[in-house]
Amino acid sequence: DNAEKTVFLQMNSLKPEDTAVYYC
C-alpha cells in the first residue's frame, strides 16, 4: 500500500517449517 507506506505478507496454511524470524 504505497499510500500507507506498508508492505504485507499474508500467510495461509502455515506449516511448522515456516517457523522463522521474518524480515522486511
PDB file of all heavy atoms in Angstrom:
ATOM      1  N   ASP A   1       0.872  -1.166   0.000  1.00  0.00           N
ATOM      2  CA  ASP A   1       0.000   0.000   0.000  1.00  0.00           C
ATOM      3  C   ASP A   1       0.909   1.215   0.000  1.00  0.00           C
ATOM      4  O   ASP A   1       1.461   1.586   1.040  1.00  0.00           O
ATOM      5  CB  ASP A   1      -0.911  -0.020   1.225  1.00  0.00           C
ATOM      6  CG  ASP A   1      -1.928   1.106   1.219  1.00  0.00           C
ATOM      7  OD1 ASP A   1      -1.653   2.179   0.643  1.00  0.00           O
ATOM      8  OD2 ASP A   1      -2.995   0.927   1.819  1.00  0.00           O
ATOM      9  N   ASN A   2       1.075   1.820  -1.162  1.00  0.00           N
ATOM     10  CA  ASN A   2       2.008   2.935  -1.267  1.00  0.00           C
ATOM     11  C   ASN A   2       1.533   4.156  -0.469  1.00  0.00           C
ATOM     12  O   ASN A   2       2.351   4.920   0.048  1.00  0.00           O
ATOM     13  CB  ASN A   2       2.213   3.315  -2.725  1.00  0.00           C
ATOM     14  CG  ASN A   2       3.057   2.296  -3.475  1.00  0.00           C
ATOM     15  OD1 ASN A   2       3.742   1.462  -2.877  1.00  0.00           O
ATOM     16  ND2 ASN A   2       2.979   2.336  -4.797  1.00  0.00           N
ATOM     17  N   ALA A   3       0.228   4.328  -0.370  1.00  0.00           N
ATOM     18  CA  ALA A   3      -0.287   5.470   0.389  1.00  0.00           C
ATOM     19  C   ALA A   3       0.041   5.335   1.872  1.00  0.00           C
ATOM     20  O   ALA A   3       0.345   6.327   2.543  1.00  0.00           O
ATOM     21  CB  ALA A   3      -1.791   5.600   0.187  1.00  0.00           C
ATOM     22  N   GLU A   4      -0.012   4.100   2.365  1.00  0.00           N
ATOM     23  CA  GLU A   4       0.278   3.846   3.778  1.00  0.00           C
ATOM     24  C   GLU A   4       1.745   3.499   4.020  1.00  0.00           C
ATOM     25  O   GLU A   4       2.147   3.301   5.162  1.00  0.00           O
ATOM     26  CB  GLU A   4      -0.605   2.716   4.294  1.00  0.00           C
ATOM     27  CG  GLU A   4      -2.090   3.048   4.294  1.00  0.00           C
ATOM     28  CD  GLU A   4      -2.412   4.193   5.247  1.00  0.00           C
ATOM     29  OE1 GLU A   4      -1.775   4.296   6.318  1.00  0.00           O
ATOM     30  OE2 GLU A   4      -3.302   5.002   4.895  1.00  0.00           O
ATOM     31  N   LYS A   5       2.524   3.404   2.922  1.00  0.00           N
ATOM     32  CA  LYS A   5       3.948   3.043   3.041  1.00  0.00           C
ATOM     33  C   LYS A   5       4.120   1.745   3.828  1.00  0.00           C
ATOM     34  O   LYS A   5       4.930   1.667   4.780  1.00  0.00           O
ATOM     35  CB  LYS A   5       4.752   4.172   3.682  1.00  0.00           C
ATOM     36  CG  LYS A   5       4.758   5.457   2.866  1.00  0.00           C
ATOM     37  CD  LYS A   5       5.672   6.507   3.480  1.00  0.00           C
ATOM     38  CE  LYS A   5       5.714   7.761   2.649  1.00  0.00           C
ATOM     39  NZ  LYS A   5       6.629   8.774   3.214  1.00  0.00           N
ATOM     40  N   THR A   6       3.362   0.766   3.430  1.00  0.00           N
ATOM     41  CA  THR A   6       3.361  -0.508   4.140  1.00  0.00           C
ATOM     42  C   THR A   6       3.361  -1.666   3.142  1.00  0.00           C
ATOM     43  O   THR A   6       2.689  -1.599   2.104  1.00  0.00           O
ATOM     44  CB  THR A   6       2.127  -0.615   5.049  1.00  0.00           C
ATOM     45  OG1 THR A   6       2.115   0.480   5.965  1.00  0.00           O
ATOM     46  CG2 THR A   6       2.135  -1.921   5.843  1.00  0.00           C
ATOM     47  N   VAL A   7       4.118  -2.697   3.483  1.00  0.00           N
ATOM     48  CA  VAL A   7       4.092  -3.936   2.709  1.00  0.00           C
ATOM     49  C   VAL A   7       3.566  -5.036   3.614  1.00  0.00           C
ATOM     50  O   VAL A   7       3.831  -5.038   4.821  1.00  0.00           O
ATOM     51  CB  VAL A   7       5.486  -4.272   2.135  1.00  0.00           C
ATOM     52  CG1 VAL A   7       6.511  -4.491   3.228  1.00  0.00           C
ATOM     53  CG2 VAL A   7       5.410  -5.476   1.211  1.00  0.00           C
ATOM     54  N   PHE A   8       2.793  -5.956   3.034  1.00  0.00           N
ATOM     55  CA  PHE A   8       2.137  -7.007   3.787  1.00  0.00           C
ATOM     56  C   PHE A   8       2.572  -8.374   3.288  1.00  0.00           C
ATOM     57  O   PHE A   8       2.944  -8.542   2.123  1.00  0.00           O
ATOM     58  CB  PHE A   8       0.612  -6.893   3.647  1.00  0.00           C
ATOM     59  CG  PHE A   8       0.052  -5.563   4.031  1.00  0.00           C
ATOM     60  CD1 PHE A   8      -0.199  -4.593   3.073  1.00  0.00           C
ATOM     61  CD2 PHE A   8      -0.219  -5.268   5.354  1.00  0.00           C
ATOM     62  CE1 PHE A   8      -0.724  -3.364   3.418  1.00  0.00           C
ATOM     63  CE2 PHE A   8      -0.734  -4.041   5.717  1.00  0.00           C
ATOM     64  CZ  PHE A   8      -0.989  -3.074   4.739  1.00  0.00           C
ATOM     65  N   LEU A   9       2.475  -9.350   4.172  1.00  0.00           N
ATOM     66  CA  LEU A   9       2.658 -10.744   3.784  1.00  0.00           C
ATOM     67  C   LEU A   9       1.534 -11.542   4.435  1.00  0.00           C
ATOM     68  O   LEU A   9       1.530 -11.740   5.646  1.00  0.00           O
ATOM     69  CB  LEU A   9       4.020 -11.287   4.216  1.00  0.00           C
ATOM     70  CG  LEU A   9       4.329 -12.695   3.726  1.00  0.00           C
ATOM     71  CD1 LEU A   9       4.493 -12.713   2.200  1.00  0.00           C
ATOM     72  CD2 LEU A   9       5.585 -13.249   4.390  1.00  0.00           C
ATOM     73  N   GLN A  10       0.586 -11.965   3.618  1.00  0.00           N
ATOM     74  CA  GLN A  10      -0.494 -12.821   4.091  1.00  0.00           C
ATOM     75  C   GLN A  10      -0.022 -14.259   3.996  1.00  0.00           C
ATOM     76  O   GLN A  10       0.340 -14.729   2.912  1.00  0.00           O
ATOM     77  CB  GLN A  10      -1.753 -12.619   3.248  1.00  0.00           C
ATOM     78  CG  GLN A  10      -2.915 -13.506   3.642  1.00  0.00           C
ATOM     79  CD  GLN A  10      -3.465 -13.196   5.014  1.00  0.00           C
ATOM     80  OE1 GLN A  10      -3.636 -12.038   5.377  1.00  0.00           O
ATOM     81  NE2 GLN A  10      -3.739 -14.236   5.800  1.00  0.00           N
ATOM     82  N   MET A  11      -0.033 -14.946   5.125  1.00  0.00           N
ATOM     83  CA  MET A  11       0.473 -16.319   5.182  1.00  0.00           C
ATOM     84  C   MET A  11      -0.662 -17.242   5.596  1.00  0.00           C
ATOM     85  O   MET A  11      -1.197 -17.114   6.705  1.00  0.00           O
ATOM     86  CB  MET A  11       1.623 -16.409   6.186  1.00  0.00           C
ATOM     87  CG  MET A  11       2.749 -15.431   5.911  1.00  0.00           C
ATOM     88  SD  MET A  11       4.189 -15.662   6.976  1.00  0.00           S
ATOM     89  CE  MET A  11       3.483 -15.250   8.567  1.00  0.00           C
ATOM     90  N   ASN A  12      -1.014 -18.141   4.706  1.00  0.00           N
ATOM     91  CA  ASN A  12      -2.081 -19.112   4.958  1.00  0.00           C
ATOM     92  C   ASN A  12      -1.511 -20.530   4.958  1.00  0.00           C
ATOM     93  O   ASN A  12      -0.397 -20.753   4.474  1.00  0.00           O
ATOM     94  CB  ASN A  12      -3.168 -18.998   3.897  1.00  0.00           C
ATOM     95  CG  ASN A  12      -3.831 -17.637   3.869  1.00  0.00           C
ATOM     96  OD1 ASN A  12      -3.971 -16.972   4.896  1.00  0.00           O
ATOM     97  ND2 ASN A  12      -4.241 -17.211   2.689  1.00  0.00           N
ATOM     98  N   SER A  13      -2.288 -21.444   5.493  1.00  0.00           N
ATOM     99  CA  SER A  13      -1.884 -22.862   5.525  1.00  0.00           C
ATOM    100  C   SER A  13      -0.469 -23.019   6.067  1.00  0.00           C
ATOM    101  O   SER A  13       0.372 -23.716   5.479  1.00  0.00           O
ATOM    102  CB  SER A  13      -1.986 -23.476   4.117  1.00  0.00           C
ATOM    103  OG  SER A  13      -3.283 -23.345   3.609  1.00  0.00           O
ATOM    104  N   LEU A  14      -0.209 -22.382   7.178  1.00  0.00           N
ATOM    105  CA  LEU A  14       1.140 -22.371   7.734  1.00  0.00           C
ATOM    106  C   LEU A  14       1.564 -23.761   8.180  1.00  0.00           C
ATOM    107  O   LEU A  14       0.751 -24.560   8.668  1.00  0.00           O
ATOM    108  CB  LEU A  14       1.224 -21.386   8.886  1.00  0.00           C
ATOM    109  CG  LEU A  14       1.321 -19.924   8.432  1.00  0.00           C
ATOM    110  CD1 LEU A  14       0.925 -18.964   9.549  1.00  0.00           C
ATOM    111  CD2 LEU A  14       2.737 -19.619   7.964  1.00  0.00           C
ATOM    112  N   LYS A  15       2.861 -24.021   8.013  1.00  0.00           N
ATOM    113  CA  LYS A  15       3.454 -25.296   8.351  1.00  0.00           C
ATOM    114  C   LYS A  15       4.551 -25.073   9.404  1.00  0.00           C
ATOM    115  O   LYS A  15       5.123 -23.980   9.474  1.00  0.00           O
ATOM    116  CB  LYS A  15       4.078 -25.926   7.105  1.00  0.00           C
ATOM    117  CG  LYS A  15       3.124 -26.096   5.941  1.00  0.00           C
ATOM    118  CD  LYS A  15       3.860 -26.625   4.717  1.00  0.00           C
ATOM    119  CE  LYS A  15       2.930 -26.788   3.528  1.00  0.00           C
ATOM    120  NZ  LYS A  15       3.653 -27.304   2.327  1.00  0.00           N
ATOM    121  N   PRO A  16       4.886 -26.106  10.171  1.00  0.00           N
ATOM    122  CA  PRO A  16       5.981 -25.952  11.143  1.00  0.00           C
ATOM    123  C   PRO A  16       7.278 -25.462  10.497  1.00  0.00           C
ATOM    124  O   PRO A  16       8.031 -24.700  11.117  1.00  0.00           O
ATOM    125  CB  PRO A  16       6.126 -27.358  11.721  1.00  0.00           C
ATOM    126  CG  PRO A  16       4.755 -27.941  11.606  1.00  0.00           C
ATOM    127  CD  PRO A  16       4.210 -27.400  10.306  1.00  0.00           C
ATOM    128  N   GLU A  17       7.527 -25.854   9.273  1.00  0.00           N
ATOM    129  CA  GLU A  17       8.763 -25.429   8.601  1.00  0.00           C
ATOM    130  C   GLU A  17       8.750 -23.960   8.202  1.00  0.00           C
ATOM    131  O   GLU A  17       9.766 -23.436   7.730  1.00  0.00           O
ATOM    132  CB  GLU A  17       9.044 -26.303   7.373  1.00  0.00           C
ATOM    133  CG  GLU A  17       7.888 -26.459   6.407  1.00  0.00           C
ATOM    134  CD  GLU A  17       7.104 -27.737   6.648  1.00  0.00           C
ATOM    135  OE1 GLU A  17       6.841 -28.084   7.825  1.00  0.00           O
ATOM    136  OE2 GLU A  17       6.738 -28.387   5.642  1.00  0.00           O
ATOM    137  N   ASP A  18       7.630 -23.287   8.386  1.00  0.00           N
ATOM    138  CA  ASP A  18       7.587 -21.839   8.164  1.00  0.00           C
ATOM    139  C   ASP A  18       8.089 -21.068   9.388  1.00  0.00           C
ATOM    140  O   ASP A  18       8.224 -19.833   9.328  1.00  0.00           O
ATOM    141  CB  ASP A  18       6.161 -21.386   7.843  1.00  0.00           C
ATOM    142  CG  ASP A  18       5.643 -21.942   6.524  1.00  0.00           C
ATOM    143  OD1 ASP A  18       6.405 -21.950   5.554  1.00  0.00           O
ATOM    144  OD2 ASP A  18       4.474 -22.366   6.493  1.00  0.00           O
ATOM    145  N   THR A  19       8.361 -21.762  10.464  1.00  0.00           N
ATOM    146  CA  THR A  19       8.858 -21.115  11.675  1.00  0.00           C
ATOM    147  C   THR A  19      10.203 -20.442  11.408  1.00  0.00           C
ATOM    148  O   THR A  19      11.137 -21.079  10.919  1.00  0.00           O
ATOM    149  CB  THR A  19       9.013 -22.148  12.802  1.00  0.00           C
ATOM    150  OG1 THR A  19       7.716 -22.641  13.147  1.00  0.00           O
ATOM    151  CG2 THR A  19       9.666 -21.525  14.025  1.00  0.00           C
ATOM    152  N   ALA A  20      10.274 -19.150  11.701  1.00  0.00           N
ATOM    153  CA  ALA A  20      11.480 -18.378  11.423  1.00  0.00           C
ATOM    154  C   ALA A  20      11.271 -16.944  11.905  1.00  0.00           C
ATOM    155  O   ALA A  20      10.154 -16.550  12.258  1.00  0.00           O
ATOM    156  CB  ALA A  20      11.785 -18.366   9.924  1.00  0.00           C
ATOM    157  N   VAL A  21      12.343 -16.185  11.883  1.00  0.00           N
ATOM    158  CA  VAL A  21      12.232 -14.733  12.015  1.00  0.00           C
ATOM    159  C   VAL A  21      12.056 -14.178  10.609  1.00  0.00           C
ATOM    160  O   VAL A  21      12.833 -14.498   9.703  1.00  0.00           O
ATOM    161  CB  VAL A  21      13.471 -14.123  12.683  1.00  0.00           C
ATOM    162  CG1 VAL A  21      13.336 -12.601  12.737  1.00  0.00           C
ATOM    163  CG2 VAL A  21      13.666 -14.691  14.074  1.00  0.00           C
ATOM    164  N   TYR A  22      11.023 -13.366  10.436  1.00  0.00           N
ATOM    165  CA  TYR A  22      10.707 -12.790   9.135  1.00  0.00           C
ATOM    166  C   TYR A  22      11.161 -11.332   9.101  1.00  0.00           C
ATOM    167  O   TYR A  22      10.822 -10.547   9.992  1.00  0.00           O
ATOM    168  CB  TYR A  22       9.210 -12.900   8.864  1.00  0.00           C
ATOM    169  CG  TYR A  22       8.794 -14.292   8.474  1.00  0.00           C
ATOM    170  CD1 TYR A  22       8.790 -15.332   9.406  1.00  0.00           C
ATOM    171  CD2 TYR A  22       8.418 -14.592   7.168  1.00  0.00           C
ATOM    172  CE1 TYR A  22       8.442 -16.620   9.043  1.00  0.00           C
ATOM    173  CE2 TYR A  22       8.046 -15.876   6.795  1.00  0.00           C
ATOM    174  CZ  TYR A  22       8.065 -16.892   7.743  1.00  0.00           C
ATOM    175  OH  TYR A  22       7.713 -18.172   7.374  1.00  0.00           O
ATOM    176  N   TYR A  23      11.906 -10.998   8.042  1.00  0.00           N
ATOM    177  CA  TYR A  23      12.475  -9.665   7.888  1.00  0.00           C
ATOM    178  C   TYR A  23      11.893  -8.975   6.662  1.00  0.00           C
ATOM    179  O   TYR A  23      11.762  -9.582   5.595  1.00  0.00           O
ATOM    180  CB  TYR A  23      13.986  -9.743   7.712  1.00  0.00           C
ATOM    181  CG  TYR A  23      14.722 -10.329   8.892  1.00  0.00           C
ATOM    182  CD1 TYR A  23      14.978 -11.696   8.977  1.00  0.00           C
ATOM    183  CD2 TYR A  23      15.189  -9.507   9.921  1.00  0.00           C
ATOM    184  CE1 TYR A  23      15.654 -12.235  10.050  1.00  0.00           C
ATOM    185  CE2 TYR A  23      15.875 -10.043  10.999  1.00  0.00           C
ATOM    186  CZ  TYR A  23      16.101 -11.397  11.050  1.00  0.00           C
ATOM    187  OH  TYR A  23      16.785 -11.931  12.116  1.00  0.00           O
ATOM    188  N   CYS A  24      11.623  -7.707   6.831  1.00  0.00           N
ATOM    189  CA  CYS A  24      11.195  -6.856   5.731  1.00  0.00           C
ATOM    190  C   CYS A  24      12.428  -6.171   5.147  1.00  0.00           C
ATOM    191  O   CYS A  24      13.340  -5.786   5.898  1.00  0.00           O
ATOM    192  CB  CYS A  24      10.213  -5.819   6.285  1.00  0.00           C
ATOM    193  SG  CYS A  24       9.726  -4.523   5.159  1.00  0.00           S
TER     194      CYS A  24
END
